[in-house]
Amino acid sequence: MKLAEMQTGPGFLINLLHFIVLSFLDLLFRVLNRTKVIGQENIPKRGERGVMILSNHISALDPLLIGITAMPRFSPIWWRAAAKEELFTTPFSRFVLQIIGAFSVKRGRHDAGSMDRMAQVLSTSVLVVFPEGTWSTTGQLLPGRLGVGNIIYNARPAKILPVAVKGTDDILPRDHALPRIGRRARIIYGPPMDMNRFYLQPDTRETAREIVQAVMAEIGRLYSQI
């Protein structure tokens, strides 16, 4: 599925699929487990474009938790997320991931193509990014990737929304194939970040580093509240 084909929105059939999947995940997170959502007033409005959601990453469930707590049902625009290229190895997994709006990135390597795609989709979509680039196995925040700072600097998102999640690694630990029940998850949506001071600086690695450090500091502040 090409980027150009995804710019007008998911359409009815894909939105229906999203509705079914999100309804199942609602059961997992809100009924079989206890999920608390903080900062709902900061969640993007229906149809709002150019939003970059930046979250810590502790479990494969993190993007799904963001989806059920923030993504409107039958959204008129795509909500997209970057996923490691290893998940796209089979035709079936590639099809499913593309249907839900994911696209592949090369973890641990500079991938100019993926950086360009992320910058492009921001004008028409909501983009979910995990700036650490991988799961934290301890729950502690990892350093943010320099490439995320570059994307923010060059794409100038209309809104940058920091998010922190906690407890998803207890529902689905790294060594478990199936989620557990009776656990607790929390997610907090912080107020949008003002990046204008960074946009006045030159386009350098140091500026990108300062941007992603500011993002991680804000995610860390939110994480300490939950």
Protein backbone atom coordinates (compact mmCIF):
# COMPACT_ATOMS: atom_id res chain seq x y z
CA MET A 1 0.00 0.00 0.00
CA LYS A 2 1.60 3.19 -1.18
CA LEU A 3 1.69 6.38 0.84
CA ALA A 4 -0.22 8.27 -1.85
CA GLU A 5 -3.03 5.73 -1.58
CA MET A 6 -3.36 6.37 2.15
CA GLN A 7 -3.55 10.15 2.17
CA THR A 8 -7.32 10.51 1.87
CA GLY A 9 -8.08 8.43 4.96
CA PRO A 10 -8.81 4.78 5.75
CA GLY A 11 -12.27 4.56 4.16
CA PHE A 12 -15.30 2.68 5.48
CA LEU A 13 -14.08 -0.94 5.24
CA ILE A 14 -10.74 -0.33 6.94
CA ASN A 15 -12.44 1.84 9.55
CA LEU A 16 -14.86 -1.03 10.19
CA LEU A 17 -11.90 -3.36 10.69
CA HIS A 18 -10.34 -0.80 13.04
CA PHE A 19 -13.62 -0.64 14.98
CA ILE A 20 -13.72 -4.42 15.44
CA VAL A 21 -10.08 -4.61 16.53
CA LEU A 22 -10.34 -1.61 18.86
CA SER A 23 -13.52 -3.05 20.43
CA PHE A 24 -11.65 -6.29 21.21
CA LEU A 25 -8.75 -4.30 22.67
CA ASP A 26 -11.20 -2.29 24.75
CA LEU A 27 -12.27 -5.58 26.30
CA LEU A 28 -8.66 -6.51 27.01
CA PHE A 29 -7.62 -3.18 28.52
CA ARG A 30 -10.77 -1.88 30.21
CA VAL A 31 -12.63 -5.05 31.27
CA LEU A 32 -10.09 -7.84 31.71
CA ASN A 33 -7.48 -5.36 32.96
CA ARG A 34 -7.80 -1.97 34.65
CA THR A 35 -6.70 0.95 32.51
CA LYS A 36 -6.55 4.54 33.71
CA VAL A 37 -6.36 7.40 31.21
CA ILE A 38 -5.08 10.81 32.34
CA GLY A 39 -5.04 14.02 30.32
CA GLN A 40 -7.90 13.19 27.97
CA GLU A 41 -8.31 16.91 27.25
CA ASN A 42 -4.96 16.76 25.40
CA ILE A 43 -5.96 13.95 23.02
CA PRO A 44 -6.13 15.10 19.37
CA LYS A 45 -9.56 16.14 18.17
CA ARG A 46 -11.36 14.06 15.54
CA GLY A 47 -9.84 14.78 12.12
CA GLU A 48 -6.96 16.83 13.56
CA ARG A 49 -3.90 16.47 11.32
CA GLY A 50 -0.20 17.11 11.71
CA VAL A 51 -0.03 15.66 15.23
CA MET A 52 3.01 13.70 16.37
CA ILE A 53 2.41 11.53 19.45
CA LEU A 54 5.67 10.62 21.20
CA SER A 55 5.63 7.89 23.85
CA ASN A 56 7.92 5.71 25.89
CA HIS A 57 8.01 2.05 24.84
CA ILE A 58 7.85 -0.92 27.22
CA SER A 59 5.64 -3.47 25.44
CA ALA A 60 4.19 -4.50 22.10
CA LEU A 61 0.85 -3.33 23.53
CA ASP A 62 1.91 0.33 23.74
CA PRO A 63 0.69 1.41 20.26
CA LEU A 64 -2.54 -0.53 20.82
CA LEU A 65 -3.17 1.23 24.13
CA ILE A 66 -2.66 4.57 22.42
CA GLY A 67 -5.06 3.44 19.70
CA ILE A 68 -7.95 2.50 21.98
CA THR A 69 -7.59 5.54 24.24
CA ALA A 70 -6.99 8.25 21.63
CA MET A 71 -7.96 7.17 18.11
CA PRO A 72 -11.56 8.07 17.22
CA ARG A 73 -13.73 5.29 15.82
CA PHE A 74 -14.28 5.69 12.08
CA SER A 75 -11.53 8.29 11.87
CA PRO A 76 -11.57 10.48 8.74
CA ILE A 77 -7.76 10.46 8.69
CA TRP A 78 -5.06 7.84 9.10
CA TRP A 79 -3.36 7.22 12.42
CA ARG A 80 0.05 5.87 11.51
CA ALA A 81 3.00 4.35 13.37
CA ALA A 82 6.49 3.20 12.53
CA ALA A 83 7.25 -0.50 13.15
CA LYS A 84 10.50 -2.43 12.93
CA GLU A 85 11.06 -4.02 9.54
CA GLU A 86 11.34 -7.52 11.05
CA LEU A 87 7.55 -7.47 11.57
CA PHE A 88 6.98 -7.17 7.81
CA THR A 89 8.71 -10.44 6.84
CA THR A 90 5.57 -12.42 5.84
CA PRO A 91 2.91 -11.35 3.33
CA PHE A 92 0.16 -11.72 5.96
CA SER A 93 1.87 -9.67 8.67
CA ARG A 94 2.86 -7.06 6.09
CA PHE A 95 -0.76 -6.81 4.89
CA VAL A 96 -2.17 -6.51 8.42
CA LEU A 97 0.37 -3.91 9.49
CA GLN A 98 -0.20 -1.80 6.39
CA ILE A 99 -3.97 -2.00 6.83
CA ILE A 100 -3.68 -0.52 10.33
CA GLY A 101 -1.41 2.24 9.03
CA ALA A 102 2.02 0.97 10.08
CA PHE A 103 5.13 1.27 7.93
CA SER A 104 8.57 -0.30 8.35
CA VAL A 105 11.73 1.31 9.65
CA LYS A 106 15.21 -0.14 10.01
CA ARG A 107 15.86 -0.31 13.72
CA GLY A 108 19.33 0.69 14.83
CA ARG A 109 20.31 2.07 11.39
CA HIS A 110 19.90 5.39 9.68
CA ASP A 111 16.95 5.00 7.31
CA ALA A 112 16.54 8.19 5.29
CA GLY A 113 13.55 6.76 3.43
CA SER A 114 11.63 6.08 6.63
CA MET A 115 12.53 9.51 7.97
CA ASP A 116 11.15 11.07 4.79
CA ARG A 117 7.93 9.03 5.00
CA MET A 118 7.34 10.07 8.60
CA ALA A 119 7.81 13.71 7.67
CA GLN A 120 5.42 13.35 4.73
CA VAL A 121 2.56 11.67 6.59
CA LEU A 122 2.48 14.37 9.24
CA SER A 123 0.70 16.78 6.92
CA THR A 124 -2.26 14.43 6.50
CA SER A 125 -2.24 12.10 9.51
CA VAL A 126 -1.60 11.53 13.18
CA LEU A 127 1.81 9.89 13.60
CA VAL A 128 2.72 7.77 16.62
CA VAL A 129 6.47 7.54 17.28
CA PHE A 130 8.48 5.82 20.01
CA PRO A 131 11.63 7.96 20.20
CA GLU A 132 13.62 5.36 22.16
CA GLY A 133 13.53 3.17 19.04
CA THR A 134 13.12 -0.08 21.00
CA TRP A 135 11.48 -1.50 24.12
CA SER A 136 12.91 -0.70 27.51
CA THR A 137 13.37 -4.00 29.36
CA THR A 138 13.61 -2.30 32.76
CA GLY A 139 10.77 0.22 32.46
CA GLN A 140 13.29 3.05 32.68
CA LEU A 141 13.47 5.54 29.85
CA LEU A 142 16.14 5.03 27.21
CA PRO A 143 17.85 7.88 25.33
CA GLY A 144 15.83 9.22 22.42
CA ARG A 145 17.06 8.63 18.87
CA LEU A 146 18.67 11.54 17.04
CA GLY A 147 16.55 10.85 13.96
CA VAL A 148 13.38 11.78 15.86
CA GLY A 149 14.84 15.19 16.60
CA ASN A 150 15.64 15.58 12.90
CA ILE A 151 12.08 14.68 11.90
CA ILE A 152 10.61 17.21 14.32
CA TYR A 153 12.98 19.94 13.16
CA ASN A 154 12.35 19.37 9.45
CA ALA A 155 8.64 18.46 9.51
CA ARG A 156 7.58 21.09 12.09
CA PRO A 157 4.50 19.14 13.33
CA ALA A 158 1.40 21.22 14.03
CA LYS A 159 1.28 19.62 17.47
CA ILE A 160 3.76 17.53 19.45
CA LEU A 161 2.04 15.46 22.12
CA PRO A 162 4.14 13.69 24.79
CA VAL A 163 2.70 10.49 26.25
CA ALA A 164 3.80 8.10 28.98
CA VAL A 165 2.57 4.54 29.51
CA LYS A 166 3.05 2.23 32.46
CA GLY A 167 1.93 -1.34 33.14
CA THR A 168 1.62 -2.67 29.59
CA ASP A 169 4.76 -4.73 30.18
CA ASP A 170 2.93 -6.41 33.07
CA ILE A 171 -0.07 -7.27 30.88
CA LEU A 172 2.15 -8.64 28.11
CA PRO A 173 5.70 -9.36 29.30
CA ARG A 174 8.37 -9.77 26.67
CA ASP A 175 8.52 -13.56 27.14
CA HIS A 176 4.73 -14.08 26.95
CA ALA A 177 2.80 -14.86 23.77
CA LEU A 178 -0.61 -14.03 25.28
CA PRO A 179 -1.68 -11.08 27.46
CA ARG A 180 -2.46 -11.59 31.13
CA ILE A 181 -5.61 -10.40 32.90
CA GLY A 182 -6.30 -8.66 36.19
CA ARG A 183 -3.40 -6.25 35.73
CA ARG A 184 -3.25 -2.47 35.69
CA ALA A 185 -2.15 -0.09 32.94
CA ARG A 186 -1.92 3.69 32.97
CA ILE A 187 -1.47 6.21 30.21
CA ILE A 188 -1.09 9.96 30.44
CA TYR A 189 -1.39 12.47 27.61
CA GLY A 190 0.58 15.62 28.33
CA PRO A 191 -0.06 19.10 26.97
CA PRO A 192 1.46 19.93 23.55
CA MET A 193 5.13 20.91 23.60
CA ASP A 194 6.35 24.26 22.28
CA MET A 195 9.35 23.65 20.02
CA ASN A 196 9.65 27.12 18.52
CA ARG A 197 12.87 27.87 20.37
CA PHE A 198 14.56 24.96 18.62
CA TYR A 199 13.33 25.98 15.16
CA LEU A 200 15.28 29.23 15.53
CA GLN A 201 18.51 27.23 15.85
CA PRO A 202 20.59 25.94 12.91
CA ASP A 203 19.85 22.54 11.38
CA THR A 204 22.57 20.57 13.14
CA ARG A 205 23.01 17.30 15.02
CA GLU A 206 23.22 19.27 18.25
CA THR A 207 19.84 20.89 17.61
CA ALA A 208 18.30 17.49 16.86
CA ARG A 209 19.86 16.14 20.06
CA GLU A 210 18.44 19.01 22.12
CA ILE A 211 14.99 18.46 20.63
CA VAL A 212 14.84 14.74 21.40
CA GLN A 213 16.30 15.30 24.87
CA ALA A 214 13.54 17.82 25.57
CA VAL A 215 10.96 15.28 24.39
CA MET A 216 12.36 12.51 26.58
CA ALA A 217 12.54 14.86 29.57
CA GLU A 218 8.84 15.67 29.17
CA ILE A 219 7.92 12.00 28.77
CA GLY A 220 9.95 11.30 31.92
CA ARG A 221 8.08 14.04 33.79
CA LEU A 222 4.75 12.50 32.78
CA TYR A 223 5.95 8.99 33.63
CA SER A 224 6.76 10.11 37.17
CA GLN A 225 3.10 11.15 37.62
CA ILE A 226 1.67 7.69 36.98
